[in-house]
Amino acid sequence: MARLVSLLFSLLAITGFASRCLATTYTVGDSSGWDISTDVDSWAQNKHFVVSDVLLFQYSSSHSVGEVSRDSYEGCNTTNVLQASSNGNTTFALTTPGDRYFVCGNRLHCYAGMKLHVVVDDKAGADGPSAAPEAEAGGDSTTTTTNTPPKNKKPPSIIPNSVMPTIRFKSLLFVCFTCLLSWII
């Protein structure tokens, strides 16, 4: 009986961890970061953002990042910001489906293309991005700032962020299989 309870508890814990492992942290602009020289539209073009993913903005002291409404995004209005940060490393959790808009706090940088629009889907799909329902700009979000060094002082990652969920999920499956095998034997 104790073995069965232990197995059920293990499976429940593994299921809980599996759902958290499916989230992806996207470093905006990859190794180029949030910079005026980065083509963030091209960077975002082939990405599929879903609820629970996180956008990580890494930038130098000459930049900042702010989440804005659609109108502010289109007009590069940097005075009506929903959430802003200028510490060099900022994360925005994608907690609801819909459109999200981000701009550099320097209006001239925004006009030069340093702005990002992402569509957040409700669920991950095997067939790639699909049309997400419209939501009010900003929506429900959480901003977390960290005190890690800016992108130009951080060594490049060996494994791209987009690959990490796959690695974690495969590791989780291995642990689950091992637990199940040890229970059977």
N, C-alpha and C. Protein backbone atom coordinates (compact mmCIF):
# COMPACT_ATOMS: atom_id res chain seq x y z
N MET A 1 0.82 -1.19 0.00
CA MET A 1 0.00 0.00 0.00
C MET A 1 0.87 1.25 0.00
N ALA A 2 1.94 1.24 0.81
CA ALA A 2 2.85 2.40 0.89
C ALA A 2 3.52 2.64 -0.45
N ARG A 3 3.80 1.55 -1.16
CA ARG A 3 4.43 1.67 -2.47
C ARG A 3 3.49 2.33 -3.46
N LEU A 4 2.21 2.00 -3.40
CA LEU A 4 1.22 2.59 -4.29
C LEU A 4 1.06 4.08 -4.01
N VAL A 5 1.00 4.45 -2.75
CA VAL A 5 0.89 5.86 -2.37
C VAL A 5 2.13 6.62 -2.84
N SER A 6 3.30 6.02 -2.68
CA SER A 6 4.54 6.64 -3.11
C SER A 6 4.54 6.84 -4.62
N LEU A 7 4.08 5.86 -5.37
CA LEU A 7 4.02 5.95 -6.82
C LEU A 7 3.05 7.05 -7.25
N LEU A 8 1.87 7.10 -6.63
CA LEU A 8 0.90 8.13 -6.99
C LEU A 8 1.42 9.53 -6.68
N PHE A 9 2.09 9.68 -5.54
CA PHE A 9 2.66 10.97 -5.20
C PHE A 9 3.74 11.36 -6.21
N SER A 10 4.57 10.41 -6.60
CA SER A 10 5.62 10.68 -7.59
C SER A 10 5.03 11.10 -8.93
N LEU A 11 4.00 10.39 -9.37
CA LEU A 11 3.36 10.73 -10.64
C LEU A 11 2.71 12.11 -10.59
N LEU A 12 2.10 12.45 -9.47
CA LEU A 12 1.49 13.76 -9.32
C LEU A 12 2.56 14.85 -9.36
N ALA A 13 3.66 14.63 -8.69
CA ALA A 13 4.76 15.62 -8.70
C ALA A 13 5.35 15.76 -10.09
N ILE A 14 5.54 14.66 -10.79
CA ILE A 14 6.10 14.69 -12.14
C ILE A 14 5.17 15.41 -13.08
N THR A 15 3.87 15.18 -12.96
CA THR A 15 2.90 15.87 -13.81
C THR A 15 2.94 17.37 -13.57
N GLY A 16 3.06 17.77 -12.33
CA GLY A 16 3.15 19.20 -12.00
C GLY A 16 4.39 19.83 -12.59
N PHE A 17 5.52 19.15 -12.48
CA PHE A 17 6.76 19.68 -13.03
C PHE A 17 6.73 19.68 -14.55
N ALA A 18 6.07 18.72 -15.16
CA ALA A 18 6.01 18.65 -16.62
C ALA A 18 5.31 19.86 -17.19
N SER A 19 4.24 20.30 -16.56
CA SER A 19 3.52 21.46 -17.09
C SER A 19 4.37 22.72 -16.99
N ARG A 20 5.22 22.83 -15.97
CA ARG A 20 6.09 24.00 -15.84
C ARG A 20 7.24 23.93 -16.84
N CYS A 21 7.65 22.76 -17.24
CA CYS A 21 8.77 22.61 -18.16
C CYS A 21 8.40 22.98 -19.59
N LEU A 22 7.13 23.05 -19.89
CA LEU A 22 6.71 23.36 -21.24
C LEU A 22 6.83 24.84 -21.55
N ALA A 23 6.98 25.69 -20.56
CA ALA A 23 7.14 27.12 -20.79
C ALA A 23 8.52 27.39 -21.36
N THR A 24 8.60 28.40 -22.21
CA THR A 24 9.86 28.77 -22.84
C THR A 24 10.21 30.20 -22.47
N THR A 25 11.46 30.43 -22.15
CA THR A 25 11.95 31.79 -21.95
C THR A 25 12.65 32.21 -23.24
N TYR A 26 12.13 33.23 -23.88
CA TYR A 26 12.70 33.74 -25.12
C TYR A 26 13.55 34.97 -24.82
N THR A 27 14.81 34.94 -25.19
CA THR A 27 15.65 36.12 -25.09
C THR A 27 15.42 36.93 -26.35
N VAL A 28 14.79 38.09 -26.19
CA VAL A 28 14.43 38.92 -27.34
C VAL A 28 15.68 39.31 -28.11
N GLY A 29 15.70 38.99 -29.40
CA GLY A 29 16.86 39.27 -30.24
C GLY A 29 17.97 38.25 -30.12
N ASP A 30 17.73 37.17 -29.37
CA ASP A 30 18.74 36.14 -29.11
C ASP A 30 20.04 36.78 -28.63
N SER A 31 21.18 36.45 -29.23
CA SER A 31 22.47 36.96 -28.73
C SER A 31 22.65 38.45 -28.99
N SER A 32 21.90 39.02 -29.93
CA SER A 32 22.00 40.46 -30.21
C SER A 32 21.27 41.28 -29.16
N GLY A 33 20.29 40.69 -28.52
CA GLY A 33 19.55 41.36 -27.46
C GLY A 33 18.61 42.44 -27.96
N TRP A 34 18.10 43.21 -27.02
CA TRP A 34 17.18 44.32 -27.28
C TRP A 34 18.05 45.52 -27.63
N ASP A 35 18.26 45.73 -28.93
CA ASP A 35 19.18 46.76 -29.39
C ASP A 35 18.66 47.35 -30.69
N ILE A 36 19.07 48.57 -30.99
CA ILE A 36 18.59 49.25 -32.19
C ILE A 36 19.06 48.55 -33.46
N SER A 37 20.16 47.81 -33.38
CA SER A 37 20.68 47.10 -34.55
C SER A 37 20.01 45.74 -34.76
N THR A 38 19.17 45.31 -33.83
CA THR A 38 18.52 44.00 -33.92
C THR A 38 17.19 44.13 -34.65
N ASP A 39 16.97 43.26 -35.61
CA ASP A 39 15.69 43.22 -36.32
C ASP A 39 14.74 42.32 -35.53
N VAL A 40 14.04 42.91 -34.55
CA VAL A 40 13.20 42.11 -33.67
C VAL A 40 11.96 41.58 -34.39
N ASP A 41 11.53 42.24 -35.48
CA ASP A 41 10.40 41.71 -36.25
C ASP A 41 10.77 40.37 -36.88
N SER A 42 11.95 40.28 -37.46
CA SER A 42 12.41 39.01 -38.03
C SER A 42 12.63 37.97 -36.95
N TRP A 43 13.18 38.41 -35.81
CA TRP A 43 13.41 37.49 -34.70
C TRP A 43 12.10 36.84 -34.26
N ALA A 44 11.04 37.61 -34.15
CA ALA A 44 9.76 37.10 -33.63
C ALA A 44 8.95 36.36 -34.68
N GLN A 45 9.27 36.54 -35.94
CA GLN A 45 8.44 36.02 -37.03
C GLN A 45 8.17 34.52 -36.95
N ASN A 46 9.13 33.71 -36.65
CA ASN A 46 8.94 32.25 -36.65
C ASN A 46 8.77 31.67 -35.25
N LYS A 47 8.49 32.52 -34.29
CA LYS A 47 8.30 32.06 -32.92
C LYS A 47 6.82 31.84 -32.65
N HIS A 48 6.52 30.88 -31.80
CA HIS A 48 5.15 30.60 -31.38
C HIS A 48 5.07 30.84 -29.88
N PHE A 49 4.51 31.98 -29.50
CA PHE A 49 4.42 32.35 -28.09
C PHE A 49 3.11 31.84 -27.52
N VAL A 50 3.18 31.23 -26.35
CA VAL A 50 1.99 30.71 -25.68
C VAL A 50 1.95 31.21 -24.24
N VAL A 51 0.76 31.14 -23.66
CA VAL A 51 0.59 31.52 -22.26
C VAL A 51 1.57 30.70 -21.42
N SER A 52 2.25 31.33 -20.51
CA SER A 52 3.27 30.81 -19.59
C SER A 52 4.69 31.02 -20.11
N ASP A 53 4.86 31.40 -21.38
CA ASP A 53 6.19 31.74 -21.87
C ASP A 53 6.64 33.06 -21.23
N VAL A 54 7.92 33.33 -21.35
CA VAL A 54 8.50 34.55 -20.77
C VAL A 54 9.38 35.23 -21.82
N LEU A 55 9.26 36.55 -21.92
CA LEU A 55 10.15 37.32 -22.78
C LEU A 55 11.23 37.94 -21.89
N LEU A 56 12.49 37.71 -22.24
CA LEU A 56 13.62 38.29 -21.52
C LEU A 56 14.26 39.35 -22.41
N PHE A 57 14.24 40.58 -21.95
CA PHE A 57 14.86 41.69 -22.67
C PHE A 57 16.20 41.98 -22.00
N GLN A 58 17.28 41.90 -22.78
CA GLN A 58 18.62 42.24 -22.29
C GLN A 58 19.13 43.40 -23.12
N TYR A 59 19.58 44.46 -22.44
CA TYR A 59 19.93 45.68 -23.16
C TYR A 59 20.95 46.50 -22.38
N SER A 60 21.57 47.44 -23.08
CA SER A 60 22.57 48.31 -22.47
C SER A 60 21.89 49.48 -21.78
N SER A 61 22.69 50.30 -21.11
CA SER A 61 22.14 51.43 -20.35
C SER A 61 21.56 52.53 -21.24
N SER A 62 21.81 52.50 -22.53
CA SER A 62 21.24 53.50 -23.43
C SER A 62 19.82 53.14 -23.88
N HIS A 63 19.32 52.02 -23.41
CA HIS A 63 17.99 51.56 -23.78
C HIS A 63 17.14 51.31 -22.53
N SER A 64 15.88 51.08 -22.77
CA SER A 64 14.93 50.63 -21.76
C SER A 64 13.87 49.84 -22.50
N VAL A 65 12.92 49.30 -21.77
CA VAL A 65 11.82 48.59 -22.41
C VAL A 65 10.54 48.92 -21.66
N GLY A 66 9.48 49.10 -22.42
CA GLY A 66 8.19 49.35 -21.82
C GLY A 66 7.10 48.62 -22.57
N GLU A 67 6.15 48.11 -21.82
CA GLU A 67 4.98 47.51 -22.46
C GLU A 67 3.96 48.62 -22.64
N VAL A 68 3.38 48.69 -23.84
CA VAL A 68 2.47 49.78 -24.18
C VAL A 68 1.21 49.22 -24.85
N SER A 69 0.24 50.10 -25.05
CA SER A 69 -0.97 49.73 -25.78
C SER A 69 -0.67 49.69 -27.28
N ARG A 70 -1.61 49.19 -28.05
CA ARG A 70 -1.44 49.11 -29.50
C ARG A 70 -1.25 50.50 -30.10
N ASP A 71 -2.06 51.47 -29.67
CA ASP A 71 -1.94 52.83 -30.19
C ASP A 71 -0.58 53.43 -29.88
N SER A 72 -0.09 53.23 -28.66
CA SER A 72 1.22 53.75 -28.29
C SER A 72 2.33 53.05 -29.08
N TYR A 73 2.16 51.78 -29.34
CA TYR A 73 3.12 51.02 -30.14
C TYR A 73 3.19 51.60 -31.56
N GLU A 74 2.03 51.77 -32.17
CA GLU A 74 1.99 52.25 -33.55
C GLU A 74 2.53 53.68 -33.68
N GLY A 75 2.29 54.53 -32.68
CA GLY A 75 2.75 55.91 -32.74
C GLY A 75 4.05 56.16 -31.99
N CYS A 76 4.68 55.10 -31.48
CA CYS A 76 5.90 55.22 -30.67
C CYS A 76 5.72 56.23 -29.53
N ASN A 77 4.59 56.15 -28.88
CA ASN A 77 4.32 57.00 -27.72
C ASN A 77 4.96 56.34 -26.51
N THR A 78 6.00 56.95 -26.00
CA THR A 78 6.73 56.38 -24.87
C THR A 78 6.35 57.02 -23.54
N THR A 79 5.32 57.88 -23.55
CA THR A 79 4.92 58.53 -22.31
C THR A 79 3.78 57.79 -21.61
N ASN A 80 3.02 56.99 -22.34
CA ASN A 80 1.89 56.27 -21.76
C ASN A 80 2.24 54.78 -21.69
N VAL A 81 3.15 54.43 -20.79
CA VAL A 81 3.68 53.07 -20.68
C VAL A 81 2.93 52.31 -19.59
N LEU A 82 2.55 51.07 -19.90
CA LEU A 82 1.86 50.22 -18.93
C LEU A 82 2.83 49.69 -17.87
N GLN A 83 3.99 49.23 -18.32
CA GLN A 83 5.05 48.72 -17.43
C GLN A 83 6.37 49.09 -18.07
N ALA A 84 7.32 49.53 -17.28
CA ALA A 84 8.62 49.94 -17.82
C ALA A 84 9.75 49.45 -16.95
N SER A 85 10.93 49.31 -17.57
CA SER A 85 12.13 48.95 -16.84
C SER A 85 13.33 49.47 -17.60
N SER A 86 14.40 49.75 -16.86
CA SER A 86 15.62 50.23 -17.50
C SER A 86 16.87 49.65 -16.84
N ASN A 87 16.75 48.46 -16.25
CA ASN A 87 17.87 47.90 -15.50
C ASN A 87 18.80 47.01 -16.32
N GLY A 88 18.50 46.77 -17.59
CA GLY A 88 19.37 45.94 -18.42
C GLY A 88 18.90 44.52 -18.62
N ASN A 89 18.09 44.01 -17.71
CA ASN A 89 17.53 42.66 -17.81
C ASN A 89 16.11 42.70 -17.26
N THR A 90 15.15 42.52 -18.14
CA THR A 90 13.76 42.60 -17.74
C THR A 90 13.00 41.44 -18.33
N THR A 91 12.15 40.80 -17.51
CA THR A 91 11.31 39.73 -18.03
C THR A 91 9.85 40.15 -17.97
N PHE A 92 9.12 39.73 -18.96
CA PHE A 92 7.67 39.91 -19.01
C PHE A 92 7.05 38.52 -19.17
N ALA A 93 6.25 38.12 -18.20
CA ALA A 93 5.55 36.84 -18.28
C ALA A 93 4.34 37.00 -19.19
N LEU A 94 4.17 36.07 -20.09
CA LEU A 94 3.02 36.08 -21.00
C LEU A 94 1.93 35.26 -20.34
N THR A 95 1.06 35.92 -19.58
CA THR A 95 0.11 35.22 -18.73
C THR A 95 -1.29 35.11 -19.33
N THR A 96 -1.57 35.85 -20.39
CA THR A 96 -2.88 35.77 -21.03
C THR A 96 -2.71 35.75 -22.55
N PRO A 97 -3.65 35.14 -23.26
CA PRO A 97 -3.56 35.16 -24.72
C PRO A 97 -3.89 36.55 -25.26
N GLY A 98 -3.36 36.84 -26.44
CA GLY A 98 -3.65 38.11 -27.11
C GLY A 98 -2.39 38.80 -27.57
N ASP A 99 -2.55 40.05 -27.96
CA ASP A 99 -1.45 40.85 -28.48
C ASP A 99 -0.73 41.57 -27.35
N ARG A 100 0.60 41.61 -27.44
CA ARG A 100 1.42 42.34 -26.47
C ARG A 100 2.37 43.24 -27.27
N TYR A 101 2.60 44.44 -26.77
CA TYR A 101 3.39 45.44 -27.48
C TYR A 101 4.48 45.99 -26.56
N PHE A 102 5.71 46.10 -27.09
CA PHE A 102 6.85 46.58 -26.33
C PHE A 102 7.63 47.58 -27.16
N VAL A 103 8.13 48.64 -26.52
CA VAL A 103 8.93 49.66 -27.21
C VAL A 103 10.12 50.05 -26.35
N CYS A 104 11.15 50.58 -27.01
CA CYS A 104 12.26 51.19 -26.28
C CYS A 104 11.77 52.53 -25.75
N GLY A 105 12.23 52.90 -24.57
CA GLY A 105 11.83 54.17 -23.98
C GLY A 105 12.33 55.39 -24.72
N ASN A 106 13.34 55.23 -25.55
CA ASN A 106 13.84 56.31 -26.38
C ASN A 106 12.98 56.35 -27.65
N ARG A 107 12.20 57.39 -27.79
CA ARG A 107 11.24 57.48 -28.90
C ARG A 107 11.92 57.35 -30.27
N LEU A 108 13.10 57.93 -30.43
CA LEU A 108 13.81 57.83 -31.70
C LEU A 108 14.20 56.39 -32.01
N HIS A 109 14.57 55.63 -30.97
CA HIS A 109 14.89 54.21 -31.17
C HIS A 109 13.65 53.45 -31.60
N CYS A 110 12.51 53.79 -31.01
CA CYS A 110 11.26 53.16 -31.39
C CYS A 110 10.95 53.43 -32.86
N TYR A 111 11.08 54.69 -33.28
CA TYR A 111 10.85 55.04 -34.69
C TYR A 111 11.80 54.29 -35.62
N ALA A 112 13.00 53.98 -35.12
CA ALA A 112 13.98 53.26 -35.93
C ALA A 112 13.72 51.76 -35.95
N GLY A 113 12.66 51.30 -35.28
CA GLY A 113 12.29 49.89 -35.33
C GLY A 113 12.51 49.11 -34.05
N MET A 114 12.91 49.78 -33.00
CA MET A 114 13.14 49.07 -31.74
C MET A 114 11.83 48.95 -30.98
N LYS A 115 10.97 48.10 -31.53
CA LYS A 115 9.67 47.83 -30.93
C LYS A 115 9.28 46.41 -31.31
N LEU A 116 8.47 45.80 -30.48
CA LEU A 116 8.14 44.38 -30.66
C LEU A 116 6.66 44.15 -30.42
N HIS A 117 6.03 43.44 -31.34
CA HIS A 117 4.63 43.00 -31.20
C HIS A 117 4.64 41.48 -31.22
N VAL A 118 4.06 40.86 -30.20
CA VAL A 118 3.94 39.40 -30.18
C VAL A 118 2.48 39.02 -29.97
N VAL A 119 2.11 37.92 -30.57
CA VAL A 119 0.77 37.35 -30.38
C VAL A 119 0.94 36.12 -29.50
N VAL A 120 0.23 36.11 -28.39
CA VAL A 120 0.32 35.02 -27.43
C VAL A 120 -0.89 34.12 -27.60
N ASP A 121 -0.63 32.85 -27.92
CA ASP A 121 -1.70 31.87 -28.07
C ASP A 121 -2.04 31.25 -26.72
N ASP A 122 -3.27 30.76 -26.62
CA ASP A 122 -3.74 30.15 -25.38
C ASP A 122 -3.03 28.84 -25.10
N LYS A 123 -2.80 28.03 -26.12
CA LYS A 123 -2.19 26.72 -25.94
C LYS A 123 -1.15 26.49 -27.01
N ALA A 124 -0.17 25.66 -26.69
CA ALA A 124 0.84 25.28 -27.67
C ALA A 124 0.21 24.35 -28.69
N GLY A 125 0.46 24.61 -29.96
CA GLY A 125 -0.09 23.77 -31.02
C GLY A 125 1.01 23.16 -31.84
N ALA A 126 0.77 22.00 -32.36
CA ALA A 126 1.78 21.32 -33.16
C ALA A 126 1.91 21.95 -34.54
N ASP A 127 0.86 22.65 -34.99
CA ASP A 127 0.89 23.21 -36.33
C ASP A 127 1.38 24.64 -36.38
N GLY A 128 1.99 25.15 -35.30
CA GLY A 128 2.56 26.48 -35.31
C GLY A 128 1.58 27.55 -34.88
N PRO A 129 1.92 28.82 -35.17
CA PRO A 129 1.10 29.92 -34.71
C PRO A 129 -0.28 29.93 -35.34
N SER A 130 -1.23 30.36 -34.56
CA SER A 130 -2.58 30.53 -35.08
C SER A 130 -3.11 31.86 -34.58
N ALA A 131 -4.21 32.29 -35.12
CA ALA A 131 -4.76 33.58 -34.73
C ALA A 131 -5.23 33.51 -33.28
N ALA A 132 -4.79 34.45 -32.49
CA ALA A 132 -5.19 34.51 -31.09
C ALA A 132 -6.31 35.53 -30.94
N PRO A 133 -7.17 35.36 -29.96
CA PRO A 133 -8.23 36.33 -29.76
C PRO A 133 -7.65 37.67 -29.35
N GLU A 134 -8.32 38.74 -29.74
CA GLU A 134 -7.89 40.08 -29.38
C GLU A 134 -8.05 40.29 -27.89
N ALA A 135 -7.11 40.96 -27.29
CA ALA A 135 -7.19 41.29 -25.87
C ALA A 135 -6.74 42.73 -25.71
N GLU A 136 -7.12 43.32 -24.59
CA GLU A 136 -6.65 44.68 -24.34
C GLU A 136 -5.15 44.65 -24.21
N ALA A 137 -4.51 45.66 -24.77
CA ALA A 137 -3.07 45.73 -24.70
C ALA A 137 -2.64 45.76 -23.25
N GLY A 138 -1.57 45.05 -22.97
CA GLY A 138 -1.09 45.00 -21.59
C GLY A 138 -1.62 43.78 -20.90
N GLY A 139 -2.91 43.64 -20.86
CA GLY A 139 -3.54 42.47 -20.26
C GLY A 139 -3.04 42.20 -18.87
N ASP A 140 -3.07 40.96 -18.48
CA ASP A 140 -2.63 40.52 -17.18
C ASP A 140 -1.18 40.09 -17.31
N SER A 141 -0.27 40.78 -16.67
CA SER A 141 1.13 40.41 -16.81
C SER A 141 1.88 40.65 -15.52
N THR A 142 3.05 40.09 -15.49
CA THR A 142 3.93 40.26 -14.36
C THR A 142 5.28 40.68 -14.88
N THR A 143 5.86 41.70 -14.32
CA THR A 143 7.19 42.13 -14.71
C THR A 143 8.13 41.80 -13.57
N THR A 144 9.22 41.15 -13.90
CA THR A 144 10.21 40.81 -12.92
C THR A 144 11.54 41.37 -13.39
N THR A 145 12.23 42.07 -12.55
CA THR A 145 13.55 42.57 -12.92
C THR A 145 14.59 41.80 -12.14
N THR A 146 15.74 41.63 -12.77
CA THR A 146 16.83 40.91 -12.13
C THR A 146 18.06 41.80 -12.11
N ASN A 147 19.00 41.47 -11.26
CA ASN A 147 20.21 42.27 -11.14
C ASN A 147 21.40 41.59 -11.80
N THR A 148 21.17 40.87 -12.87
CA THR A 148 22.27 40.25 -13.60
C THR A 148 22.86 41.27 -14.56
N PRO A 149 24.10 41.06 -15.00
CA PRO A 149 24.74 42.05 -15.87
C PRO A 149 24.04 42.17 -17.21
N PRO A 150 24.17 43.33 -17.88
CA PRO A 150 23.57 43.52 -19.19
C PRO A 150 24.14 42.54 -20.21
N LYS A 151 23.47 42.45 -21.36
CA LYS A 151 23.81 41.45 -22.36
C LYS A 151 25.25 41.51 -22.83
N ASN A 152 25.84 42.69 -22.90
CA ASN A 152 27.19 42.77 -23.41
C ASN A 152 28.24 42.23 -22.44
N LYS A 153 27.86 41.92 -21.20
CA LYS A 153 28.78 41.34 -20.23
C LYS A 153 28.47 39.88 -19.96
N LYS A 154 27.44 39.35 -20.59
CA LYS A 154 27.02 37.97 -20.34
C LYS A 154 27.56 37.06 -21.45
N PRO A 155 28.18 35.94 -21.10
CA PRO A 155 28.66 35.04 -22.14
C PRO A 155 27.49 34.43 -22.90
N PRO A 156 27.68 34.15 -24.19
CA PRO A 156 26.59 33.58 -24.97
C PRO A 156 26.23 32.18 -24.49
N SER A 157 24.97 31.84 -24.61
CA SER A 157 24.48 30.52 -24.21
C SER A 157 24.88 29.49 -25.26
N ILE A 158 25.26 28.33 -24.81
CA ILE A 158 25.63 27.26 -25.73
C ILE A 158 24.37 26.64 -26.32
N ILE A 159 23.32 26.54 -25.51
CA ILE A 159 22.06 25.94 -25.95
C ILE A 159 21.02 27.04 -26.11
N PRO A 160 20.42 27.21 -27.29
CA PRO A 160 19.41 28.24 -27.47
C PRO A 160 18.23 28.04 -26.52
N ASN A 161 17.63 29.14 -26.05
CA ASN A 161 16.50 29.07 -25.13
C ASN A 161 15.35 28.26 -25.68
N SER A 162 15.15 28.30 -27.00
CA SER A 162 14.02 27.60 -27.58
C SER A 162 14.17 26.08 -27.51
N VAL A 163 15.38 25.57 -27.25
CA VAL A 163 15.63 24.13 -27.18
C VAL A 163 15.45 23.61 -25.75
N MET A 164 15.61 24.49 -24.76
CA MET A 164 15.59 24.06 -23.37
C MET A 164 14.33 23.32 -22.93
N PRO A 165 13.11 23.74 -23.32
CA PRO A 165 11.94 22.98 -22.89
C PRO A 165 11.97 21.53 -23.37
N THR A 166 12.48 21.30 -24.57
CA THR A 166 12.56 19.94 -25.10
C THR A 166 13.51 19.11 -24.26
N ILE A 167 14.65 19.68 -23.91
CA ILE A 167 15.63 18.95 -23.10
C ILE A 167 15.04 18.64 -21.73
N ARG A 168 14.39 19.64 -21.10
CA ARG A 168 13.81 19.42 -19.78
C ARG A 168 12.72 18.37 -19.83
N PHE A 169 11.88 18.40 -20.85
CA PHE A 169 10.79 17.45 -20.96
C PHE A 169 11.33 16.04 -21.14
N LYS A 170 12.36 15.87 -21.98
CA LYS A 170 12.95 14.55 -22.17
C LYS A 170 13.59 14.04 -20.88
N SER A 171 14.21 14.93 -20.13
CA SER A 171 14.78 14.54 -18.83
C SER A 171 13.69 14.10 -17.88
N LEU A 172 12.59 14.83 -17.90
CA LEU A 172 11.45 14.49 -17.04
C LEU A 172 10.88 13.12 -17.42
N LEU A 173 10.77 12.85 -18.70
CA LEU A 173 10.28 11.55 -19.14
C LEU A 173 11.22 10.43 -18.68
N PHE A 174 12.52 10.68 -18.74
CA PHE A 174 13.49 9.69 -18.29
C PHE A 174 13.31 9.41 -16.80
N VAL A 175 13.16 10.46 -16.00
CA VAL A 175 12.96 10.29 -14.55
C VAL A 175 11.67 9.53 -14.29
N CYS A 176 10.62 9.87 -15.00
CA CYS A 176 9.33 9.19 -14.83
C CYS A 176 9.46 7.70 -15.18
N PHE A 177 10.11 7.41 -16.29
CA PHE A 177 10.30 6.03 -16.71
C PHE A 177 11.12 5.26 -15.67
N THR A 178 12.17 5.89 -15.14
CA THR A 178 13.02 5.25 -14.14
C THR A 178 12.23 4.94 -12.86
N CYS A 179 11.40 5.90 -12.42
CA CYS A 179 10.58 5.67 -11.22
C CYS A 179 9.60 4.52 -11.45
N LEU A 180 8.97 4.52 -12.59
CA LEU A 180 8.00 3.48 -12.90
C LEU A 180 8.69 2.11 -12.98
N LEU A 181 9.85 2.08 -13.61
CA LEU A 181 10.60 0.83 -13.73
C LEU A 181 11.02 0.31 -12.35
N SER A 182 11.47 1.22 -11.47
CA SER A 182 11.89 0.76 -10.14
C SER A 182 10.70 0.28 -9.31
N TRP A 183 9.52 0.82 -9.56
CA TRP A 183 8.35 0.37 -8.83
C TRP A 183 7.92 -1.02 -9.31
N ILE A 184 8.05 -1.29 -10.60
CA ILE A 184 7.64 -2.58 -11.16
C ILE A 184 8.59 -3.68 -10.71
N ILE A 185 9.87 -3.37 -10.67
CA ILE A 185 10.91 -4.38 -10.35
C ILE A 185 10.96 -4.64 -8.90
